[in-house]
Amino acid sequence: MEIVKKRRKPVAEINVVPYIDVMLVLLIVFMVTAPLLEQGLKVDLPEANSEPLDVDENAETLVISITADEAFYISLGSTQEDEQEPVALEVVGDQVARIVSANPRIQVFVEGDGDSSYSSFISLMTVLQAAGVASPNLITKPLE
């Protein structure tokens, strides 16, 4: 009696179960982080017919906001809380001076509500100039 040995062929299939697990984990991560990407204050920006600025996406940004009720807010980069506290104009000057002295290449943006007064805007620009900001960028929305 002769025993016949059968040769096993190698299995040429890819196990996709780990890939599906990774995909589901990434899906959950993106679903959790997507609502956190919205940031900023609700400001009714004035309309202007101007060209968009060339902004370096990798550079750190500092945004100073003026609301309709003349309150000032500071936002550094993408770290922003849902409930921000308004900051006094003197505190804005102190904090901006510290930030600019620590990082002179930071891009400073000013966004103001269309209903805010011109005097609060000029006061802010004076404080920014004293803090060492040579030319802040103004944020507007395009004409409709």
N, C-alpha and C. Protein backbone atom coordinates (compact mmCIF):
# COMPACT_ATOMS: atom_id res chain seq x y z
N MET A 1 0.82 -1.16 0.00
CA MET A 1 0.00 0.00 0.00
C MET A 1 0.88 1.24 0.00
N GLU A 2 0.65 2.00 -0.94
CA GLU A 2 1.47 3.17 -1.14
C GLU A 2 0.70 4.42 -0.69
N ILE A 3 1.34 5.28 0.13
CA ILE A 3 0.71 6.51 0.62
C ILE A 3 1.07 7.62 -0.34
N VAL A 4 0.04 8.27 -0.82
CA VAL A 4 0.24 9.37 -1.75
C VAL A 4 0.20 10.68 -0.96
N LYS A 5 1.25 11.40 -1.03
CA LYS A 5 1.29 12.69 -0.35
C LYS A 5 0.84 13.78 -1.30
N LYS A 6 -0.13 14.52 -0.83
CA LYS A 6 -0.61 15.64 -1.64
C LYS A 6 0.14 16.89 -1.23
N ARG A 7 0.54 17.60 -2.19
CA ARG A 7 1.22 18.87 -1.91
C ARG A 7 0.17 19.95 -1.66
N ARG A 8 0.39 20.69 -0.61
CA ARG A 8 -0.51 21.80 -0.33
C ARG A 8 -0.06 23.01 -1.13
N LYS A 9 -1.01 23.65 -1.72
CA LYS A 9 -0.71 24.88 -2.45
C LYS A 9 -0.71 26.05 -1.48
N PRO A 10 0.19 26.97 -1.66
CA PRO A 10 0.18 28.15 -0.77
C PRO A 10 -1.09 28.98 -1.00
N VAL A 11 -1.61 29.54 0.10
CA VAL A 11 -2.81 30.36 0.02
C VAL A 11 -2.39 31.77 -0.38
N ALA A 12 -2.98 32.25 -1.43
CA ALA A 12 -2.62 33.57 -1.96
C ALA A 12 -3.75 34.57 -1.72
N GLU A 13 -4.28 34.58 -0.53
CA GLU A 13 -5.35 35.51 -0.20
C GLU A 13 -4.84 36.53 0.80
N ILE A 14 -5.37 37.72 0.70
CA ILE A 14 -5.00 38.78 1.63
C ILE A 14 -6.06 38.83 2.72
N ASN A 15 -5.60 38.84 3.95
CA ASN A 15 -6.51 38.95 5.07
C ASN A 15 -6.88 40.42 5.24
N VAL A 16 -8.13 40.78 4.95
CA VAL A 16 -8.56 42.17 4.97
C VAL A 16 -9.19 42.60 6.29
N VAL A 17 -9.33 41.69 7.21
CA VAL A 17 -9.97 42.02 8.49
C VAL A 17 -9.21 43.12 9.24
N PRO A 18 -7.88 43.08 9.34
CA PRO A 18 -7.19 44.18 10.02
C PRO A 18 -7.38 45.53 9.33
N TYR A 19 -7.45 45.53 8.00
CA TYR A 19 -7.66 46.77 7.28
C TYR A 19 -9.04 47.35 7.56
N ILE A 20 -10.03 46.50 7.67
CA ILE A 20 -11.38 46.96 7.99
C ILE A 20 -11.41 47.56 9.40
N ASP A 21 -10.69 46.93 10.33
CA ASP A 21 -10.64 47.46 11.69
C ASP A 21 -10.00 48.85 11.71
N VAL A 22 -8.91 49.01 10.99
CA VAL A 22 -8.24 50.30 10.94
C VAL A 22 -9.15 51.34 10.30
N MET A 23 -9.85 50.97 9.24
CA MET A 23 -10.75 51.89 8.56
C MET A 23 -11.88 52.35 9.50
N LEU A 24 -12.43 51.44 10.28
CA LEU A 24 -13.50 51.81 11.20
C LEU A 24 -12.99 52.73 12.31
N VAL A 25 -11.79 52.48 12.79
CA VAL A 25 -11.20 53.35 13.80
C VAL A 25 -10.98 54.76 13.24
N LEU A 26 -10.46 54.85 12.02
CA LEU A 26 -10.26 56.15 11.39
C LEU A 26 -11.59 56.87 11.15
N LEU A 27 -12.61 56.14 10.77
CA LEU A 27 -13.93 56.73 10.57
C LEU A 27 -14.44 57.34 11.87
N ILE A 28 -14.28 56.64 12.96
CA ILE A 28 -14.74 57.15 14.26
C ILE A 28 -13.92 58.38 14.65
N VAL A 29 -12.62 58.35 14.43
CA VAL A 29 -11.78 59.50 14.77
C VAL A 29 -12.20 60.72 13.97
N PHE A 30 -12.43 60.57 12.68
CA PHE A 30 -12.85 61.70 11.85
C PHE A 30 -14.23 62.20 12.24
N MET A 31 -15.13 61.30 12.60
CA MET A 31 -16.47 61.72 13.01
C MET A 31 -16.42 62.52 14.31
N VAL A 32 -15.51 62.19 15.19
CA VAL A 32 -15.40 62.90 16.46
C VAL A 32 -14.72 64.25 16.27
N THR A 33 -13.68 64.31 15.43
CA THR A 33 -12.92 65.55 15.29
C THR A 33 -13.53 66.55 14.32
N ALA A 34 -14.40 66.14 13.41
CA ALA A 34 -14.96 67.06 12.42
C ALA A 34 -15.73 68.21 13.06
N PRO A 35 -16.58 67.99 14.05
CA PRO A 35 -17.26 69.15 14.65
C PRO A 35 -16.33 70.10 15.39
N LEU A 36 -15.17 69.63 15.80
CA LEU A 36 -14.23 70.48 16.53
C LEU A 36 -13.45 71.41 15.61
N LEU A 37 -13.50 71.18 14.30
CA LEU A 37 -12.74 72.00 13.37
C LEU A 37 -13.34 73.38 13.18
N GLU A 38 -14.62 73.55 13.47
CA GLU A 38 -15.23 74.87 13.37
C GLU A 38 -14.78 75.69 14.56
N GLN A 39 -14.30 76.86 14.28
CA GLN A 39 -13.80 77.70 15.35
C GLN A 39 -14.12 79.14 15.03
N GLY A 40 -13.97 79.97 16.02
CA GLY A 40 -14.13 81.39 15.80
C GLY A 40 -15.40 81.94 16.43
N LEU A 41 -15.48 83.24 16.39
CA LEU A 41 -16.64 83.95 16.91
C LEU A 41 -17.59 84.26 15.78
N LYS A 42 -18.82 84.48 16.13
CA LYS A 42 -19.80 84.90 15.14
C LYS A 42 -19.68 86.40 14.98
N VAL A 43 -19.08 86.82 13.87
CA VAL A 43 -18.88 88.23 13.59
C VAL A 43 -19.44 88.49 12.20
N ASP A 44 -20.22 89.54 12.07
CA ASP A 44 -20.78 89.93 10.78
C ASP A 44 -19.75 90.81 10.08
N LEU A 45 -18.91 90.19 9.26
CA LEU A 45 -17.81 90.91 8.62
C LEU A 45 -18.33 91.89 7.58
N PRO A 46 -17.68 93.05 7.45
CA PRO A 46 -18.07 93.97 6.39
C PRO A 46 -17.62 93.44 5.03
N GLU A 47 -18.33 93.85 4.00
CA GLU A 47 -18.00 93.41 2.65
C GLU A 47 -17.00 94.37 2.02
N ALA A 48 -16.07 93.82 1.23
CA ALA A 48 -15.08 94.65 0.54
C ALA A 48 -14.69 93.97 -0.76
N ASN A 49 -14.42 94.78 -1.76
CA ASN A 49 -13.98 94.27 -3.05
C ASN A 49 -12.46 94.30 -3.06
N SER A 50 -11.83 93.25 -2.52
CA SER A 50 -10.38 93.21 -2.45
C SER A 50 -9.89 91.82 -2.81
N GLU A 51 -8.63 91.75 -3.16
CA GLU A 51 -8.02 90.48 -3.52
C GLU A 51 -7.64 89.71 -2.25
N PRO A 52 -7.76 88.38 -2.28
CA PRO A 52 -7.35 87.59 -1.11
C PRO A 52 -5.84 87.66 -0.91
N LEU A 53 -5.43 87.59 0.35
CA LEU A 53 -4.01 87.62 0.70
C LEU A 53 -3.38 86.25 0.50
N ASP A 54 -2.10 86.25 0.20
CA ASP A 54 -1.34 85.00 0.18
C ASP A 54 -0.92 84.71 1.62
N VAL A 55 -1.57 83.73 2.22
CA VAL A 55 -1.32 83.41 3.62
C VAL A 55 -0.58 82.09 3.68
N ASP A 56 0.49 82.06 4.46
CA ASP A 56 1.25 80.83 4.67
C ASP A 56 0.46 79.93 5.61
N GLU A 57 0.03 78.77 5.11
CA GLU A 57 -0.80 77.86 5.89
C GLU A 57 -0.05 77.27 7.08
N ASN A 58 1.27 77.19 7.00
CA ASN A 58 2.05 76.58 8.07
C ASN A 58 2.42 77.57 9.17
N ALA A 59 2.29 78.85 8.89
CA ALA A 59 2.68 79.86 9.88
C ALA A 59 1.60 79.99 10.95
N GLU A 60 2.03 80.35 12.13
CA GLU A 60 1.09 80.53 13.24
C GLU A 60 0.34 81.84 13.06
N THR A 61 -0.94 81.84 13.43
CA THR A 61 -1.77 83.02 13.26
C THR A 61 -2.34 83.49 14.59
N LEU A 62 -2.55 84.78 14.68
CA LEU A 62 -3.18 85.41 15.83
C LEU A 62 -4.35 86.23 15.29
N VAL A 63 -5.56 85.92 15.77
CA VAL A 63 -6.76 86.62 15.30
C VAL A 63 -7.33 87.41 16.46
N ILE A 64 -7.52 88.71 16.23
CA ILE A 64 -8.16 89.58 17.22
C ILE A 64 -9.51 89.99 16.65
N SER A 65 -10.57 89.75 17.42
CA SER A 65 -11.93 90.00 16.95
C SER A 65 -12.57 91.12 17.74
N ILE A 66 -13.37 91.94 17.03
CA ILE A 66 -14.19 92.97 17.66
C ILE A 66 -15.64 92.62 17.35
N THR A 67 -16.46 92.47 18.38
CA THR A 67 -17.86 92.15 18.16
C THR A 67 -18.68 93.43 18.08
N ALA A 68 -19.96 93.28 17.79
CA ALA A 68 -20.85 94.43 17.65
C ALA A 68 -20.99 95.20 18.95
N ASP A 69 -20.84 94.53 20.09
CA ASP A 69 -20.97 95.21 21.38
C ASP A 69 -19.61 95.70 21.91
N GLU A 70 -18.64 95.91 21.00
CA GLU A 70 -17.33 96.48 21.31
C GLU A 70 -16.49 95.62 22.24
N ALA A 71 -16.66 94.31 22.22
CA ALA A 71 -15.84 93.40 23.03
C ALA A 71 -14.70 92.87 22.16
N PHE A 72 -13.53 92.68 22.78
CA PHE A 72 -12.35 92.20 22.07
C PHE A 72 -12.07 90.75 22.48
N TYR A 73 -11.67 89.94 21.50
CA TYR A 73 -11.35 88.54 21.74
C TYR A 73 -10.03 88.23 21.04
N ILE A 74 -9.24 87.35 21.66
CA ILE A 74 -7.96 86.93 21.08
C ILE A 74 -8.00 85.43 20.85
N SER A 75 -7.58 85.02 19.66
CA SER A 75 -7.50 83.60 19.32
C SER A 75 -6.13 83.33 18.72
N LEU A 76 -5.38 82.44 19.35
CA LEU A 76 -4.03 82.11 18.89
C LEU A 76 -4.08 80.78 18.18
N GLY A 77 -3.80 80.76 16.88
CA GLY A 77 -3.77 79.51 16.12
C GLY A 77 -5.12 78.85 16.07
N SER A 78 -5.11 77.51 16.12
CA SER A 78 -6.36 76.76 16.02
C SER A 78 -6.88 76.34 17.37
N THR A 79 -6.21 76.71 18.44
CA THR A 79 -6.68 76.33 19.76
C THR A 79 -7.67 77.37 20.22
N GLN A 80 -8.90 76.99 20.24
CA GLN A 80 -9.93 77.93 20.63
C GLN A 80 -10.99 77.22 21.42
N GLU A 81 -11.43 77.84 22.49
CA GLU A 81 -12.47 77.26 23.31
C GLU A 81 -13.83 77.67 22.76
N ASP A 82 -14.85 76.90 23.14
CA ASP A 82 -16.20 77.24 22.70
C ASP A 82 -16.67 78.54 23.32
N GLU A 83 -16.44 78.71 24.60
CA GLU A 83 -16.86 79.91 25.30
C GLU A 83 -15.63 80.75 25.60
N GLN A 84 -15.42 81.79 24.83
CA GLN A 84 -14.30 82.68 25.08
C GLN A 84 -14.77 83.84 25.92
N GLU A 85 -13.87 84.34 26.72
CA GLU A 85 -14.14 85.50 27.55
C GLU A 85 -13.64 86.75 26.83
N PRO A 86 -14.41 87.84 26.87
CA PRO A 86 -13.91 89.08 26.28
C PRO A 86 -12.70 89.60 27.07
N VAL A 87 -11.83 90.30 26.35
CA VAL A 87 -10.58 90.79 26.93
C VAL A 87 -10.58 92.31 26.83
N ALA A 88 -10.10 92.97 27.87
CA ALA A 88 -9.99 94.44 27.85
C ALA A 88 -8.92 94.85 26.84
N LEU A 89 -9.05 96.06 26.33
CA LEU A 89 -8.14 96.55 25.29
C LEU A 89 -6.70 96.60 25.81
N GLU A 90 -6.48 96.96 27.06
CA GLU A 90 -5.14 97.02 27.62
C GLU A 90 -4.52 95.62 27.69
N VAL A 91 -5.36 94.63 28.03
CA VAL A 91 -4.90 93.24 28.10
C VAL A 91 -4.55 92.73 26.71
N VAL A 92 -5.34 93.16 25.71
CA VAL A 92 -5.03 92.78 24.32
C VAL A 92 -3.63 93.26 23.96
N GLY A 93 -3.32 94.51 24.31
CA GLY A 93 -2.00 95.06 24.00
C GLY A 93 -0.88 94.28 24.69
N ASP A 94 -1.07 93.95 25.97
CA ASP A 94 -0.05 93.21 26.71
C ASP A 94 0.16 91.81 26.12
N GLN A 95 -0.94 91.11 25.86
CA GLN A 95 -0.82 89.74 25.35
C GLN A 95 -0.24 89.71 23.95
N VAL A 96 -0.67 90.63 23.11
CA VAL A 96 -0.13 90.67 21.74
C VAL A 96 1.35 91.02 21.77
N ALA A 97 1.76 91.93 22.64
CA ALA A 97 3.18 92.27 22.74
C ALA A 97 4.00 91.06 23.16
N ARG A 98 3.50 90.27 24.10
CA ARG A 98 4.22 89.06 24.52
C ARG A 98 4.29 88.04 23.39
N ILE A 99 3.17 87.85 22.69
CA ILE A 99 3.13 86.85 21.61
C ILE A 99 4.07 87.27 20.48
N VAL A 100 4.04 88.55 20.11
CA VAL A 100 4.89 89.02 19.00
C VAL A 100 6.36 88.99 19.39
N SER A 101 6.67 89.28 20.65
CA SER A 101 8.08 89.20 21.06
C SER A 101 8.58 87.75 21.08
N ALA A 102 7.69 86.81 21.40
CA ALA A 102 8.08 85.40 21.39
C ALA A 102 8.18 84.85 19.97
N ASN A 103 7.31 85.33 19.07
CA ASN A 103 7.29 84.85 17.69
C ASN A 103 7.11 86.06 16.76
N PRO A 104 8.19 86.70 16.33
CA PRO A 104 8.05 87.90 15.49
C PRO A 104 7.46 87.62 14.11
N ARG A 105 7.47 86.37 13.66
CA ARG A 105 6.96 86.05 12.32
C ARG A 105 5.48 85.67 12.33
N ILE A 106 4.81 85.83 13.44
CA ILE A 106 3.40 85.46 13.53
C ILE A 106 2.56 86.39 12.66
N GLN A 107 1.53 85.83 12.04
CA GLN A 107 0.63 86.61 11.21
C GLN A 107 -0.53 87.08 12.08
N VAL A 108 -0.77 88.39 12.11
CA VAL A 108 -1.82 88.97 12.93
C VAL A 108 -2.98 89.38 12.03
N PHE A 109 -4.19 88.90 12.38
CA PHE A 109 -5.41 89.21 11.63
C PHE A 109 -6.39 89.93 12.55
N VAL A 110 -7.09 90.89 12.00
CA VAL A 110 -8.12 91.61 12.74
C VAL A 110 -9.43 91.40 12.01
N GLU A 111 -10.44 90.90 12.75
CA GLU A 111 -11.78 90.77 12.18
C GLU A 111 -12.72 91.59 13.04
N GLY A 112 -13.49 92.44 12.39
CA GLY A 112 -14.39 93.31 13.13
C GLY A 112 -15.80 93.19 12.60
N ASP A 113 -16.74 93.23 13.50
CA ASP A 113 -18.14 93.21 13.12
C ASP A 113 -18.46 94.50 12.38
N GLY A 114 -19.32 94.41 11.38
CA GLY A 114 -19.69 95.59 10.60
C GLY A 114 -20.43 96.62 11.42
N ASP A 115 -21.03 96.22 12.54
CA ASP A 115 -21.77 97.14 13.40
C ASP A 115 -20.92 97.72 14.52
N SER A 116 -19.65 97.33 14.61
CA SER A 116 -18.78 97.90 15.65
C SER A 116 -18.38 99.32 15.24
N SER A 117 -18.00 100.10 16.23
CA SER A 117 -17.70 101.51 15.95
C SER A 117 -16.28 101.66 15.39
N TYR A 118 -16.12 102.73 14.67
CA TYR A 118 -14.82 103.04 14.08
C TYR A 118 -13.82 103.39 15.17
N SER A 119 -14.27 104.00 16.25
CA SER A 119 -13.35 104.39 17.32
C SER A 119 -12.74 103.17 18.01
N SER A 120 -13.51 102.10 18.18
CA SER A 120 -12.95 100.89 18.80
C SER A 120 -11.93 100.24 17.87
N PHE A 121 -12.19 100.30 16.57
CA PHE A 121 -11.24 99.76 15.59
C PHE A 121 -9.93 100.55 15.62
N ILE A 122 -10.02 101.87 15.65
CA ILE A 122 -8.82 102.71 15.68
C ILE A 122 -8.06 102.49 16.98
N SER A 123 -8.80 102.35 18.09
CA SER A 123 -8.14 102.07 19.38
C SER A 123 -7.37 100.76 19.32
N LEU A 124 -7.98 99.75 18.72
CA LEU A 124 -7.31 98.46 18.59
C LEU A 124 -6.07 98.57 17.71
N MET A 125 -6.17 99.27 16.60
CA MET A 125 -5.02 99.42 15.71
C MET A 125 -3.88 100.17 16.39
N THR A 126 -4.21 101.15 17.22
CA THR A 126 -3.19 101.89 17.96
C THR A 126 -2.50 100.98 18.97
N VAL A 127 -3.28 100.16 19.65
CA VAL A 127 -2.71 99.23 20.63
C VAL A 127 -1.83 98.20 19.93
N LEU A 128 -2.27 97.70 18.78
CA LEU A 128 -1.47 96.72 18.03
C LEU A 128 -0.15 97.33 17.55
N GLN A 129 -0.20 98.58 17.11
CA GLN A 129 1.02 99.25 16.67
C GLN A 129 1.99 99.41 17.84
N ALA A 130 1.47 99.76 19.00
CA ALA A 130 2.32 99.90 20.17
C ALA A 130 2.88 98.56 20.63
N ALA A 131 2.15 97.46 20.33
CA ALA A 131 2.60 96.13 20.72
C ALA A 131 3.65 95.56 19.77
N GLY A 132 3.90 96.25 18.66
CA GLY A 132 4.93 95.80 17.74
C GLY A 132 4.42 95.13 16.48
N VAL A 133 3.13 95.22 16.22
CA VAL A 133 2.57 94.65 14.99
C VAL A 133 2.66 95.72 13.91
N ALA A 134 3.49 95.46 12.90
CA ALA A 134 3.73 96.47 11.87
C ALA A 134 2.54 96.62 10.94
N SER A 135 2.02 95.52 10.44
CA SER A 135 0.90 95.61 9.49
C SER A 135 -0.05 94.44 9.70
N PRO A 136 -1.07 94.62 10.50
CA PRO A 136 -2.06 93.55 10.69
C PRO A 136 -2.91 93.40 9.43
N ASN A 137 -3.37 92.18 9.18
CA ASN A 137 -4.23 91.89 8.04
C ASN A 137 -5.68 92.01 8.47
N LEU A 138 -6.50 92.61 7.63
CA LEU A 138 -7.91 92.80 7.94
C LEU A 138 -8.74 91.72 7.24
N ILE A 139 -9.63 91.10 7.98
CA ILE A 139 -10.47 90.04 7.43
C ILE A 139 -11.81 90.65 7.04
N THR A 140 -12.20 90.45 5.78
CA THR A 140 -13.50 90.90 5.27
C THR A 140 -14.12 89.75 4.50
N LYS A 141 -15.37 89.92 4.10
CA LYS A 141 -15.98 88.93 3.22
C LYS A 141 -16.17 89.56 1.85
N PRO A 142 -16.16 88.75 0.80
CA PRO A 142 -16.27 89.30 -0.56
C PRO A 142 -17.66 89.87 -0.81
N LEU A 143 -17.73 90.80 -1.77
CA LEU A 143 -19.01 91.39 -2.15
C LEU A 143 -19.93 90.32 -2.73
N GLU A 144 -21.19 90.42 -2.40
CA GLU A 144 -22.16 89.45 -2.94
C GLU A 144 -22.87 90.02 -4.14
